[in-house]
Each structure stands twice: as structure tokens, then as C-alpha cells.
Protein backbone atom coordinates (compact mmCIF):
# COMPACT_ATOMS: atom_id res chain seq x y z
CA MET A 1 69.99 102.00 72.62
CA PHE A 2 73.56 102.62 73.73
CA LYS A 3 75.39 99.72 75.35
CA VAL A 4 77.49 100.78 78.36
CA CYS A 5 79.73 98.86 80.75
CA HIS A 6 80.80 99.55 84.32
CA MET A 7 83.99 97.80 85.43
CA THR A 8 85.21 97.08 88.95
CA SER A 9 87.99 94.78 90.05
CA ALA A 10 87.75 95.62 93.76
CA HIS A 11 84.14 96.38 94.67
CA PRO A 12 81.46 93.74 95.33
CA ARG A 13 78.68 93.31 92.80
CA TYR A 14 76.08 94.92 95.05
CA ASP A 15 78.16 98.03 95.77
CA PRO A 16 75.57 100.75 96.52
CA ARG A 17 77.23 103.56 94.53
CA ILE A 18 78.11 101.48 91.48
CA LEU A 19 75.13 99.14 91.13
CA GLU A 20 72.21 100.59 93.05
CA LYS A 21 72.83 104.24 92.21
CA GLU A 22 74.80 104.70 89.01
CA CYS A 23 74.03 101.52 87.03
CA THR A 24 70.39 101.40 88.08
CA SER A 25 69.84 105.08 87.23
CA LEU A 26 71.34 104.54 83.77
CA ALA A 27 69.19 101.46 83.16
CA LYS A 28 66.07 103.42 84.13
CA ALA A 29 67.12 106.13 81.67
CA GLY A 30 67.09 103.59 78.82
CA PHE A 31 70.73 102.54 78.50
CA ASP A 32 71.68 98.87 78.01
CA VAL A 33 73.83 98.54 81.14
CA TYR A 34 76.42 95.88 82.03
CA LEU A 35 78.47 95.59 85.21
CA VAL A 36 81.61 93.42 85.17
CA VAL A 37 82.82 92.19 88.58
CA ASN A 38 85.29 89.74 90.05
CA ASP A 39 83.51 86.98 91.97
CA ASP A 40 82.52 83.34 91.60
CA LYS A 41 78.77 83.92 91.44
CA ALA A 42 76.53 83.43 88.42
CA GLY A 43 75.50 86.34 86.24
CA GLU A 44 72.17 87.97 86.96
CA VAL A 45 69.94 90.89 86.08
CA PHE A 46 69.44 93.35 88.97
CA ASN A 47 67.22 96.42 88.55
CA GLY A 48 67.63 96.10 84.78
CA VAL A 49 71.44 95.88 85.05
CA ASN A 50 73.21 92.87 83.51
CA ILE A 51 75.81 91.71 86.04
CA VAL A 52 78.62 89.75 84.39
CA SER A 53 81.20 87.96 86.53
CA THR A 54 84.72 86.92 85.57
CA GLY A 55 83.98 83.77 87.57
CA ARG A 56 87.07 84.29 89.71
CA LYS A 57 87.88 85.67 93.14
CA PHE A 58 91.35 87.02 93.71
CA SER A 59 92.84 86.83 97.20
CA GLY A 60 95.35 89.41 98.25
CA ARG A 61 95.95 92.97 97.18
CA ARG A 62 98.60 92.18 94.57
CA ALA A 63 96.53 89.50 92.80
CA ARG A 64 93.47 91.76 92.75
CA MET A 65 95.40 94.70 91.31
CA THR A 66 97.12 92.64 88.59
CA LYS A 67 95.29 89.44 87.67
CA GLY A 68 91.92 90.75 88.87
CA ALA A 69 92.15 93.98 86.88
CA LYS A 70 93.18 92.10 83.73
CA ALA A 71 90.33 89.60 84.11
CA VAL A 72 87.75 92.40 84.38
CA TYR A 73 89.20 94.16 81.34
CA LYS A 74 89.13 91.01 79.17
CA LYS A 75 85.54 90.22 80.13
CA ALA A 76 84.44 93.83 79.53
CA LEU A 77 86.17 93.90 76.15
CA GLU A 78 84.15 90.85 75.05
CA LEU A 79 80.95 92.88 75.54
CA ASP A 80 82.02 95.45 72.90
CA CYS A 81 80.21 98.40 74.48
CA ASP A 82 79.88 102.01 73.34
CA LEU A 83 81.12 103.41 76.64
CA TYR A 84 83.23 101.99 79.47
CA HIS A 85 83.04 103.40 83.00
CA PHE A 86 85.67 102.08 85.44
CA HIS A 87 85.86 102.44 89.22
CA ASP A 88 89.27 101.32 90.49
CA PRO A 89 92.73 102.88 90.15
CA GLU A 90 94.26 99.55 89.07
CA LEU A 91 92.03 99.75 85.97
CA LEU A 92 93.67 103.00 84.79
CA PRO A 93 95.96 101.22 82.27
CA TYR A 94 92.94 99.45 80.78
CA GLY A 95 90.93 102.65 80.65
CA LEU A 96 93.77 104.14 78.62
CA LYS A 97 93.79 101.09 76.31
CA LEU A 98 90.07 101.45 75.70
CA ALA A 99 90.41 105.15 74.96
CA LYS A 100 93.25 104.47 72.49
CA ALA A 101 91.01 101.89 70.82
CA GLY A 102 88.43 104.61 70.17
CA LYS A 103 85.98 103.73 72.96
CA HIS A 104 84.28 106.35 75.11
CA VAL A 105 85.67 106.06 78.65
CA ILE A 106 84.80 107.51 82.07
CA TYR A 107 87.04 107.18 85.12
CA ASP A 108 85.08 107.21 88.39
CA SER A 109 87.52 108.02 91.20
CA HIS A 110 85.85 107.25 94.52
CA GLU A 111 88.57 108.87 96.63
CA ASP A 112 91.70 111.00 96.55
CA CYS A 113 94.08 108.13 95.76
CA TYR A 114 97.19 110.30 95.98
CA LYS A 115 96.45 111.20 99.60
CA GLN A 116 95.37 107.69 100.46
CA ILE A 117 98.55 106.12 99.05
CA SER A 118 100.52 108.58 101.20
CA ILE A 119 99.18 106.89 104.36
CA LYS A 120 99.05 103.22 103.27
CA THR A 121 100.88 101.23 105.94
CA TYR A 122 101.60 98.32 103.60
CA ILE A 123 103.90 100.64 101.59
CA PRO A 124 107.25 101.28 103.34
CA GLY A 125 107.19 104.78 104.80
CA ILE A 126 110.32 105.96 103.00
CA ILE A 127 108.80 105.40 99.55
CA ARG A 128 105.13 106.28 100.19
CA LYS A 129 105.34 109.87 98.93
CA PRO A 130 107.40 109.00 95.81
CA VAL A 131 104.97 106.17 94.98
CA ALA A 132 102.02 108.53 95.50
CA LYS A 133 103.63 111.11 93.19
CA ILE A 134 104.26 108.52 90.47
CA PHE A 135 100.64 107.42 90.74
CA LEU A 136 99.40 111.03 90.56
CA ASN A 137 101.34 111.68 87.37
CA TYR A 138 100.03 108.52 85.72
CA GLU A 139 96.46 109.17 86.88
CA SER A 140 96.68 112.66 85.37
CA LYS A 141 97.99 111.25 82.08
CA VAL A 142 95.03 108.86 81.79
CA SER A 143 92.54 111.50 82.95
CA ARG A 144 93.53 113.73 80.05
CA ARG A 145 92.85 110.94 77.55
CA VAL A 146 89.44 109.68 78.72
CA ASP A 147 86.16 111.49 78.07
CA ALA A 148 85.48 112.47 81.68
CA VAL A 149 86.46 111.89 85.29
CA ILE A 150 83.85 111.65 88.04
CA PHE A 151 84.67 112.57 91.63
CA PRO A 152 82.27 112.60 94.63
CA ALA A 153 83.52 115.66 96.51
CA PRO A 154 84.16 119.31 95.64
CA SER A 155 87.41 121.10 96.30
CA PRO A 156 87.27 124.35 98.31
CA ASP A 157 86.98 126.25 95.00
CA GLY A 158 83.87 124.26 94.04
CA ASN A 159 85.58 122.17 91.34
CA THR A 160 87.09 118.70 91.89
CA ILE A 161 90.68 117.55 92.46
CA PHE A 162 90.78 116.62 88.75
CA HIS A 163 90.07 120.14 87.52
CA GLY A 164 92.92 121.21 85.25
CA ARG A 165 94.37 117.72 84.90
CA SER A 166 91.53 116.02 83.03
CA LYS A 167 89.63 116.59 79.81
CA ARG A 168 86.45 117.04 81.83
CA ASP A 169 85.72 116.65 85.55
CA VAL A 170 82.22 116.14 86.88
CA LEU A 171 81.08 116.29 90.51
CA ILE A 172 78.68 113.43 91.25
CA GLY A 173 78.18 112.76 94.94
CA ASN A 174 77.29 109.59 96.78
CA LEU A 175 74.04 110.69 98.35
CA PRO A 176 71.39 108.23 99.61
CA ILE A 177 68.45 106.87 97.68
CA LEU A 178 65.39 107.83 99.70
CA GLY A 179 63.28 104.68 99.92
CA SER A 180 59.77 104.71 101.37
CA ASP A 181 60.34 102.43 104.38
CA ARG A 182 62.68 104.43 106.62
CA GLU A 183 60.97 104.43 110.00
CA VAL A 184 63.18 103.63 112.99
CA ASP A 185 62.18 103.42 116.65
CA VAL A 186 65.24 105.26 117.96
CA ARG A 187 63.90 105.46 121.51
CA SER A 188 63.45 101.69 121.76
CA ASN A 189 66.87 101.08 120.19
CA LEU A 190 68.48 103.43 122.71
CA GLU A 191 67.14 101.22 125.47
CA LYS A 192 68.64 98.19 123.69
CA ARG A 193 71.99 100.05 123.40
CA THR A 194 72.60 99.20 119.75
CA ILE A 195 74.96 101.28 117.59
CA CYS A 196 76.19 100.74 114.03
CA GLN A 197 78.70 101.58 111.36
CA VAL A 198 78.41 100.53 107.71
CA GLY A 199 80.81 100.86 104.79
CA ALA A 200 84.49 100.01 104.47
CA LEU A 201 85.84 99.08 107.91
CA THR A 202 89.39 100.31 108.56
CA ALA A 203 91.46 101.62 111.44
CA ALA A 204 91.53 105.07 109.81
CA ARG A 205 87.73 105.09 109.90
CA GLY A 206 87.77 104.77 113.66
CA ILE A 207 86.54 101.19 114.00
CA THR A 208 88.99 100.28 116.78
CA GLU A 209 87.92 103.22 118.96
CA MET A 210 84.26 102.59 118.21
CA VAL A 211 84.54 98.95 119.33
CA ILE A 212 86.31 99.91 122.57
CA ALA A 213 83.79 102.66 123.31
CA GLY A 214 80.90 100.35 122.47
CA TYR A 215 82.19 97.74 124.89
CA ARG A 216 82.69 100.29 127.66
CA THR A 217 79.11 101.58 127.27
CA GLY A 218 77.53 98.12 127.23
CA SER A 219 76.52 98.52 123.57
CA ARG A 220 76.01 96.01 120.82
CA VAL A 221 78.16 97.22 117.92
CA ILE A 222 76.78 96.21 114.52
CA LEU A 223 79.36 96.46 111.74
CA ALA A 224 78.80 95.78 108.04
CA GLY A 225 81.09 96.24 105.08
CA PRO A 226 84.36 95.05 103.58
CA ILE A 227 87.28 94.52 105.94
CA THR A 228 90.72 93.02 105.39
CA ASP A 229 91.50 89.69 106.98
CA SER A 230 94.47 91.18 108.83
CA TYR A 231 92.45 94.01 110.39
CA MET A 232 89.65 91.64 111.36
CA GLN A 233 92.19 89.44 113.14
CA THR A 234 93.51 92.51 114.96
CA LEU A 235 90.01 93.36 116.16
CA LYS A 236 89.25 89.78 117.19
CA GLN A 237 92.31 89.75 119.44
CA MET A 238 90.83 92.62 121.48
CA PRO A 239 88.68 91.59 124.49
CA GLU A 240 86.27 94.37 123.50
CA PHE A 241 85.43 92.50 120.29
CA ALA A 242 82.91 90.55 122.36
CA CYS A 243 80.39 93.36 121.76
CA VAL A 244 80.70 93.22 117.94
CA ASP A 245 78.01 91.83 115.65
CA TYR A 246 79.68 91.70 112.20
CA ARG A 247 77.22 91.18 109.35
CA GLY A 248 79.58 91.01 106.36
CA VAL A 249 79.12 92.79 103.03
CA LEU A 250 75.41 93.39 102.45
CA LYS A 251 72.99 94.59 99.80
CA HIS A 252 71.36 97.97 100.30
CA ASP A 253 68.06 96.50 101.52
CA GLU A 254 69.93 94.39 104.07
CA VAL A 255 71.79 97.46 105.34
CA SER A 256 68.39 99.07 105.83
CA GLY A 257 67.62 96.36 108.38
CA ILE A 258 70.71 97.33 110.37
CA PHE A 259 69.60 100.96 110.55
CA LYS A 260 66.23 99.84 111.88
CA GLU A 261 67.93 97.92 114.69
CA SER A 262 70.20 100.82 115.67
CA ALA A 263 69.97 103.85 117.92
CA ILE A 264 73.11 105.69 116.77
CA GLY A 265 75.06 105.82 113.51
CA PHE A 266 78.86 106.22 113.63
CA SER A 267 81.39 107.96 111.39
CA VAL A 268 84.53 108.76 113.39
CA LEU A 269 87.32 109.43 110.91
CA HIS A 270 90.94 109.80 111.95
CA ASN A 271 92.63 113.04 110.95
CA VAL A 272 94.75 111.45 108.19
CA GLY A 273 94.96 111.36 104.40
CA GLN A 274 91.96 112.68 102.53
CA TYR A 275 89.83 112.57 105.69
CA LYS A 276 91.57 115.70 107.03
CA ASP A 277 89.91 118.03 104.57
CA LEU A 278 86.87 116.33 103.08
CA THR A 279 84.41 118.94 101.82
CA ASN A 280 81.54 116.48 101.54
CA LEU A 281 80.31 114.02 104.16
CA PRO A 282 80.89 110.27 104.25
CA THR A 283 77.96 108.56 102.54
CA LYS A 284 77.08 106.68 105.70
CA VAL A 285 76.29 109.98 107.47
CA TYR A 286 73.61 110.81 104.89
CA GLU A 287 72.27 107.26 105.14
CA TYR A 288 72.02 107.36 108.94
CA GLY A 289 70.27 110.70 108.66
CA SER A 290 67.79 109.44 106.08
CA TYR A 291 66.59 106.87 108.64
CA GLY A 292 66.38 109.38 111.48
CA LEU A 293 69.38 108.15 113.46
CA PRO A 294 71.35 110.59 115.62
CA ILE A 295 74.99 110.55 114.56
CA ILE A 296 78.29 110.45 116.39
CA GLY A 297 80.92 111.86 114.04
CA SER A 298 84.48 113.12 114.24
CA VAL A 299 85.61 116.69 114.78
CA THR A 300 87.57 116.42 111.54
CA PRO A 301 86.95 117.01 108.73
CA PRO A 302 85.36 120.36 109.62
CA SER A 303 82.51 119.69 107.16
CA LEU A 304 81.29 116.77 109.30
CA LYS A 305 81.41 118.68 112.57
CA ASP A 306 79.68 121.66 110.91
CA PHE A 307 76.90 119.43 109.55
CA LEU A 308 76.22 117.90 112.97
CA GLU A 309 76.20 121.25 114.73
CA LYS A 310 74.34 123.25 112.09
CA ASN A 311 71.49 120.74 111.93
CA HIS A 312 71.70 119.73 115.63
CA CYS A 313 71.64 116.11 114.54
CA GLY A 314 74.50 114.54 116.48
CA ILE A 315 77.70 114.92 118.48
CA ALA A 316 81.24 115.47 117.21
CA ALA A 317 84.08 113.77 119.09
CA ASP A 318 87.81 113.30 118.65
CA ALA A 319 88.01 110.04 116.68
CA GLU A 320 91.16 108.93 118.49
CA ASN A 321 89.92 109.80 122.00
CA VAL A 322 87.92 106.86 123.30
CA ASP A 323 86.79 108.78 126.39
CA GLU A 324 85.14 111.45 124.21
CA ILE A 325 83.38 108.79 122.17
CA VAL A 326 82.19 107.04 125.36
CA ASN A 327 80.86 110.34 126.69
CA ALA A 328 79.01 111.00 123.43
CA ILE A 329 77.36 107.57 123.49
CA ASP A 330 76.40 107.90 127.16
CA TYR A 331 74.97 111.37 126.55
CA LEU A 332 72.60 110.07 123.88
CA TYR A 333 71.62 107.06 126.02
CA ASN A 334 70.86 109.36 128.95
CA HIS A 335 69.03 112.05 126.92
CA ALA A 336 66.63 110.01 124.82
CA ASP A 337 64.31 112.91 123.97
CA GLU A 338 67.18 114.96 122.59
CA ALA A 339 68.60 111.94 120.73
CA VAL A 340 65.25 111.33 119.02
CA THR A 341 65.03 115.02 118.07
CA MET A 342 68.57 114.90 116.66
CA GLY A 343 67.59 111.94 114.50
CA GLN A 344 64.53 113.73 113.16
CA ASN A 345 66.63 116.81 112.43
CA ALA A 346 69.05 114.66 110.44
CA LYS A 347 66.18 113.14 108.49
CA LYS A 348 64.75 116.53 107.56
CA ALA A 349 68.16 117.79 106.43
CA VAL A 350 68.77 114.78 104.17
CA GLU A 351 65.27 114.87 102.68
CA ARG A 352 65.65 118.58 102.00
CA ASP A 353 69.20 118.86 100.70
CA TYR A 354 71.07 115.55 100.40
CA ASN A 355 69.67 112.80 98.17
CA TRP A 356 70.65 110.92 95.01
CA GLU A 357 68.05 112.23 92.54
CA THR A 358 69.98 115.35 91.50
CA ASP A 359 73.23 113.43 90.97
CA ALA A 360 71.43 110.72 88.98
CA ASN A 361 70.23 113.37 86.53
CA LYS A 362 73.78 114.73 86.21
CA LEU A 363 75.12 111.24 85.45
CA VAL A 364 72.50 110.55 82.78
CA SER A 365 73.14 113.96 81.19
CA LEU A 366 76.89 113.27 81.09
CA TYR A 367 76.32 109.96 79.27
CA LYS A 368 73.99 111.56 76.75
CA GLU A 369 76.43 114.39 76.04
CA ILE A 370 79.30 111.97 75.47
CA LEU A 371 77.37 109.43 73.38
CA GLU A 372 75.00 111.64 71.42
């Protein structure tokens, strides 16, 4: 049995993509799977995955990217695994160290970091692009040394953004796991005026506009997912925050409870960074659809608008135009029959074309090819 280790310095231990999809699928396929995380909780076994904590939480971006990354690497090294699979850009130097030491290594890039660095407000504007370019060059250097790079979205040519600058690039999406208990009473939830958004909560993901629109439509806005302290304070200073029900960072089964309370799922991305030209959909869109929720999405990227229109499963609005978002919410509240039909259309589309099983098989095959 091959011993494999997933490493994350930034994601929580119950991250759906890392733990509940990738690690769990590998454990089911017969691998001895470990997940090393930064938190102060005890180790545990979850779905056959051995979760190992560094025993430390690191506050602040700088501490997480330096001390946190080093702590994860040291703990992972103690496990002496056959293959290491890391998930955060600050772990790139340690991925390179592991590769130089003769270990099999996979880099799992969850997003286009180059484009995201280019819009990070905590980096002074004058040096954002040079910093992004330096990062891109280093990321490419490491990608050529490790066994494979995983990316969740295809480029327009059908490859990934790592094609040509890595030894091997593999497209593995972030599609939902289709559980058995996914029934939602959308009609009743429309009457209760409850809407939701799950996942990382940032200004670029339209949370500010969603909160304002939710307040103006008399909605209860359920939010769940990681959020920075500074952005949370910004939201709390808004009078519209009174409509927010923030649930924190949750396990997958707890997120399921939010979907069952909600009438509409939200994904309103600003037209910035990698969001401008995503070719796949945000994971939350597939998850909303799998529960039969109608979706309010943004007009960009075009792939999101096309999905909503092609499957008649929601409404696309300008993410930075609160009036358009308000109108979309009111339309669904006032046309319950159509909203319910949209939700069912979304569910059929996800069950037919967008679920985790295919990607799980690709991940297991990649491991076997590298290790065997």
C-alpha cells in the first residue's frame, strides 16, 4: 500500500476539495492517505483519511505563508510518504525540496495565482504586476520539477494554464459529490426569503452587493466560508449587515443544511482577475444546482451566464450593479413556479453532466501512473 500525504498551510482540515473529494477518493481506492493541516485540533481519522495537525494556528497572512508553510512541511516530512501532494502556493519551495530529495510530488493549484496576485489590494499597485511575474516564473520552475500539476479549469484550447510549463498538467475539476439526501423545498424557502452563498467570502466574489441586495429585498442572507477579519469588519459596519446570518467555516454535511434552508444560491463574481475568463463554473454553482436551487450568477465570466441561460436554471446579473441583483431576487420571489422549475433544471444538468465521480477516477489513475 502506497503512503501518500496531502499538505495545506492555508485551507481548513475539512476543505471539501482536499479532504472530502481528493483524499477520501484516494483512501477508498486503497491508498494510505495523510492530510497535514495547520490548526490546534487533535488528529483524527475522517473517511479513512489520517488528519495530522501541526498543533498551531498562524494569524496573519505573512505568518501563514512563512511559519505556517514551514510547519506543515516539517510535519509532512516526518511521515516519510511515497508521494506528497500540496495545495498552496507558499508550499512551492517545499514541493521543490521534496522533489530534489527524490520524492514523488504533485502541485494542486486551485486558482490562477498569477492573475490573482495582479489584483491583490494588500500589494502596492505599482509592484503588483512585477510581483506576479516573479511568482509566475518561480511557479513554472517548480512545475517543471514535480511529477504533475493539477488545475481545476481548462483553458480555451482545452488544456490548462500549466500546459507547456510543467512536466505534466492534469485537469481535475471541483465538481460536487452527489449525496442521496438533496431534497429542498424551494417554494417554502422562497416564502421565507432566504438566500445563501458558500465558499470563500471576498469583495471580488460579490458579497458586499449580495448583502445590500438581500437587505433591500427583505431577505435573510446565509453566508458560510472563510473570510478575513478586515473584510468581516467592513461588512459589519454596513447597516445592511443586519440581514446576514454568518455560519463560519463548515463541513460538507453542515453546508448541506444551509442549502436546505435556502431558496436561491448566489455566485456573483466581479469582472476582475481570473474571474473575467473562467472556463469552468465556481464549485458553489454546481452545488446549488445539485440541491435544486435556482441560481443568481454574474454576467461574467461568459461560461457562468451561458450555463444559466442554456439550462434555464437561473438569472445572470451585473455583479457590481445592486439594482440588477435586487431585480433578479424579486423576480424569483414573485415567480415561484418558474423559480422551482429553474432549480429542477439545474439539478438535472448537474446529475447529467457535472459531478465528482469522473474526476475522482482521473485522480486515482494519476497516482497509480506516478507510483506504479
